[in-house]
C-alpha atoms as a PDB file:
ATOM      1  CA  MET A   1      93.244 110.117 137.375  1.00  0.00           C
ATOM      2  CA  ALA A   2      90.931 111.917 134.934  1.00  0.00           C
ATOM      3  CA  ILE A   3      90.424 110.827 131.340  1.00  0.00           C
ATOM      4  CA  ASN A   4      90.767 113.527 128.717  1.00  0.00           C
ATOM      5  CA  PHE A   5      88.342 112.442 125.996  1.00  0.00           C
ATOM      6  CA  ASP A   6      89.803 114.951 123.536  1.00  0.00           C
ATOM      7  CA  ASN A   7      93.040 112.961 123.646  1.00  0.00           C
ATOM      8  CA  VAL A   8      91.257 109.613 123.552  1.00  0.00           C
ATOM      9  CA  LEU A   9      88.986 110.342 120.602  1.00  0.00           C
ATOM     10  CA  GLY A  10      91.498 112.306 118.584  1.00  0.00           C
ATOM     11  CA  LEU A  11      90.056 114.038 115.581  1.00  0.00           C
ATOM     12  CA  HIS A  12      87.157 111.607 115.137  1.00  0.00           C
ATOM     13  CA  ASP A  13      84.692 113.546 117.288  1.00  0.00           C
ATOM     14  CA  GLU A  14      85.227 116.680 115.210  1.00  0.00           C
ATOM     15  CA  ALA A  15      85.191 114.624 112.006  1.00  0.00           C
ATOM     16  CA  LEU A  16      81.788 113.190 112.964  1.00  0.00           C
ATOM     17  CA  ARG A  17      80.392 116.674 113.529  1.00  0.00           C
ATOM     18  CA  LEU A  18      81.677 117.881 110.171  1.00  0.00           C
ATOM     19  CA  ARG A  19      80.442 114.752 108.383  1.00  0.00           C
ATOM     20  CA  ALA A  20      76.964 115.289 109.893  1.00  0.00           C
ATOM     21  CA  ASP A  21      77.003 118.934 108.748  1.00  0.00           C
ATOM     22  CA  ARG A  22      78.076 117.839 105.270  1.00  0.00           C
ATOM     23  CA  MET A  23      75.323 115.203 105.215  1.00  0.00           C
ATOM     24  CA  LYS A  24      72.727 117.966 105.757  1.00  0.00           C
ATOM     25  CA  ILE A  25      74.217 120.048 102.945  1.00  0.00           C
ATOM     26  CA  LEU A  26      74.275 117.122 100.511  1.00  0.00           C
ATOM     27  CA  ALA A  27      70.720 116.119 101.486  1.00  0.00           C
ATOM     28  CA  SER A  28      69.607 119.679 100.763  1.00  0.00           C
ATOM     29  CA  ASN A  29      71.238 119.473  97.344  1.00  0.00           C
ATOM     30  CA  LEU A  30      69.437 116.197  96.621  1.00  0.00           C
ATOM     31  CA  ALA A  31      66.108 117.614  97.795  1.00  0.00           C
ATOM     32  CA  ASN A  32      66.482 120.528  95.384  1.00  0.00           C
ATOM     33  CA  VAL A  33      67.551 118.559  92.319  1.00  0.00           C
ATOM     34  CA  ASP A  34      64.522 119.843  90.365  1.00  0.00           C
ATOM     35  CA  THR A  35      64.400 123.391  91.793  1.00  0.00           C
ATOM     36  CA  PRO A  36      65.107 125.921  89.025  1.00  0.00           C
ATOM     37  CA  GLY A  37      68.098 128.134  89.786  1.00  0.00           C
ATOM     38  CA  TYR A  38      69.188 126.153  92.867  1.00  0.00           C
ATOM     39  CA  GLN A  39      72.945 126.280  93.390  1.00  0.00           C
ATOM     40  CA  ALA A  40      74.494 123.070  94.771  1.00  0.00           C
ATOM     41  CA  ARG A  41      76.691 123.622  97.835  1.00  0.00           C
ATOM     42  CA  ASP A  42      79.361 121.592  99.606  1.00  0.00           C
ATOM     43  CA  ILE A  43      82.283 122.017 101.985  1.00  0.00           C
ATOM     44  CA  ASP A  44      85.967 121.294 101.637  1.00  0.00           C
ATOM     45  CA  PHE A  45      86.103 118.636 104.350  1.00  0.00           C
ATOM     46  CA  ALA A  46      89.895 118.582 104.776  1.00  0.00           C
ATOM     47  CA  SER A  47      90.284 122.330 105.225  1.00  0.00           C
ATOM     48  CA  SER A  48      87.193 122.509 107.467  1.00  0.00           C
ATOM     49  CA  LEU A  49      88.602 119.772 109.707  1.00  0.00           C
ATOM     50  CA  GLN A  50      91.995 121.468 109.773  1.00  0.00           C
ATOM     51  CA  ARG A  51      90.364 124.761 110.724  1.00  0.00           C
ATOM     52  CA  ALA A  52      88.186 123.111 113.389  1.00  0.00           C
ATOM     53  CA  LEU A  53      91.224 121.455 114.959  1.00  0.00           C
ATOM     54  CA  GLY A  54      93.141 124.738 114.918  1.00  0.00           C
ATOM     55  CA  GLU A  55      95.859 123.469 112.596  1.00  0.00           C
ATOM     56  CA  GLY A  56      96.846 126.237 110.257  1.00  0.00           C
ATOM     57  CA  ASP A  57      96.521 129.972 109.996  1.00  0.00           C
ATOM     58  CA  PHE A  58      92.989 130.800 108.935  1.00  0.00           C
ATOM     59  CA  GLY A  59      92.885 134.426 110.016  1.00  0.00           C
ATOM     60  CA  LEU A  60      90.102 135.848 112.135  1.00  0.00           C
ATOM     61  CA  ALA A  61      89.824 135.009 115.806  1.00  0.00           C
ATOM     62  CA  LEU A  62      86.070 135.581 115.507  1.00  0.00           C
ATOM     63  CA  ASP A  63      85.663 132.442 113.395  1.00  0.00           C
ATOM     64  CA  ASP A  64      82.601 130.504 114.622  1.00  0.00           C
ATOM     65  CA  GLY A  65      83.951 127.101 113.539  1.00  0.00           C
ATOM     66  CA  ALA A  66      81.181 126.526 110.984  1.00  0.00           C
ATOM     67  CA  PRO A  67      82.400 124.987 107.735  1.00  0.00           C
ATOM     68  CA  GLU A  68      82.672 127.362 104.800  1.00  0.00           C
ATOM     69  CA  LEU A  69      80.013 126.596 102.188  1.00  0.00           C
ATOM     70  CA  LEU A  70      81.292 126.491  98.635  1.00  0.00           C
ATOM     71  CA  TYR A  71      79.347 126.356  95.376  1.00  0.00           C
ATOM     72  CA  ARG A  72      79.701 123.189  93.336  1.00  0.00           C
ATOM     73  CA  VAL A  73      80.714 123.700  89.707  1.00  0.00           C
ATOM     74  CA  PRO A  74      78.555 121.466  87.499  1.00  0.00           C
ATOM     75  CA  ASN A  75      80.023 119.198  84.836  1.00  0.00           C
ATOM     76  CA  HIS A  76      76.910 119.650  82.674  1.00  0.00           C
ATOM     77  CA  PRO A  77      75.017 122.885  83.447  1.00  0.00           C
ATOM     78  CA  SER A  78      71.244 122.708  83.103  1.00  0.00           C
ATOM     79  CA  GLN A  79      69.045 125.118  81.159  1.00  0.00           C
ATOM     80  CA  ASP A  80      67.185 126.290  84.283  1.00  0.00           C
ATOM     81  CA  GLY A  81      70.344 127.301  86.192  1.00  0.00           C
ATOM     82  CA  ASN A  82      70.199 124.397  88.647  1.00  0.00           C
ATOM     83  CA  THR A  83      73.719 123.101  89.366  1.00  0.00           C
ATOM     84  CA  VAL A  84      72.681 119.900  91.185  1.00  0.00           C
ATOM     85  CA  GLU A  85      73.763 116.761  89.348  1.00  0.00           C
ATOM     86  CA  LEU A  86      71.947 113.776  90.813  1.00  0.00           C
ATOM     87  CA  ALA A  87      74.680 111.181  90.217  1.00  0.00           C
ATOM     88  CA  VAL A  88      77.404 113.434  91.660  1.00  0.00           C
ATOM     89  CA  GLU A  89      75.359 114.264  94.758  1.00  0.00           C
ATOM     90  CA  GLN A  90      74.421 110.625  95.340  1.00  0.00           C
ATOM     91  CA  ALA A  91      78.067 109.551  95.064  1.00  0.00           C
ATOM     92  CA  GLU A  92      79.209 112.296  97.469  1.00  0.00           C
ATOM     93  CA  PHE A  93      76.406 111.424  99.900  1.00  0.00           C
ATOM     94  CA  SER A  94      77.336 107.715  99.847  1.00  0.00           C
ATOM     95  CA  GLN A  95      81.044 108.427 100.321  1.00  0.00           C
ATOM     96  CA  ASN A  96      80.307 110.790 103.191  1.00  0.00           C
ATOM     97  CA  ALA A  97      78.065 108.172 104.849  1.00  0.00           C
ATOM     98  CA  MET A  98      80.836 105.557 104.626  1.00  0.00           C
ATOM     99  CA  ASP A  99      83.394 107.995 106.052  1.00  0.00           C
ATOM    100  CA  PHE A 100      80.978 108.852 108.883  1.00  0.00           C
ATOM    101  CA  GLN A 101      80.618 105.147 109.696  1.00  0.00           C
ATOM    102  CA  THR A 102      84.400 104.711 109.666  1.00  0.00           C
ATOM    103  CA  SER A 103      84.913 107.501 112.211  1.00  0.00           C
ATOM    104  CA  LEU A 104      82.090 106.108 114.321  1.00  0.00           C
ATOM    105  CA  THR A 105      83.753 102.676 114.266  1.00  0.00           C
ATOM    106  CA  PHE A 106      87.072 104.172 115.434  1.00  0.00           C
ATOM    107  CA  ILE A 107      85.341 105.944 118.320  1.00  0.00           C
ATOM    108  CA  THR A 108      83.510 102.744 119.295  1.00  0.00           C
ATOM    109  CA  MET A 109      86.781 100.790 119.309  1.00  0.00           C
ATOM    110  CA  LYS A 110      88.501 103.434 121.458  1.00  0.00           C
ATOM    111  CA  LEU A 111      85.647 103.492 123.973  1.00  0.00           C
ATOM    112  CA  ARG A 112      85.554  99.693 124.174  1.00  0.00           C
ATOM    113  CA  GLY A 113      89.283  99.703 124.856  1.00  0.00           C
ATOM    114  CA  LEU A 114      88.816 102.263 127.629  1.00  0.00           C
ATOM    115  CA  ALA A 115      86.010 100.201 129.124  1.00  0.00           C
ATOM    116  CA  LYS A 116      88.255  97.122 129.218  1.00  0.00           C
ATOM    117  CA  VAL A 117      91.026  99.093 130.912  1.00  0.00           C
ATOM    118  CA  ILE A 118      88.619 100.486 133.505  1.00  0.00           C
ATOM    119  CA  GLU A 119      87.066  97.055 134.194  1.00  0.00           C
ATOM    120  CA  GLY A 120      90.517  95.527 134.572  1.00  0.00           C
END
């Protein structure tokens, strides 16, 4: 009997991929906090996950599965046109890291359960 890991892991494998992609985007925002004219970017995690899992009608069949990058609207625009707000980006980065760890913990628990079943 074969194990279908897509069924075992559920949405957590795709969530980890999206969280890692988002981590790169947020890190880029943080790295450019002092770059004049830099526009902060982010993704809508929920809609990106929905699209990646094929839940919903998102149009084109040619979609490559990459999350759609959106521009962040600043609460306090800067004089130089940079839209990165350090506190906002740090909070989003921290929240994303915690969510990544949560999905990783779920996957670890599922795999440990499978290992116990296989060992008997």
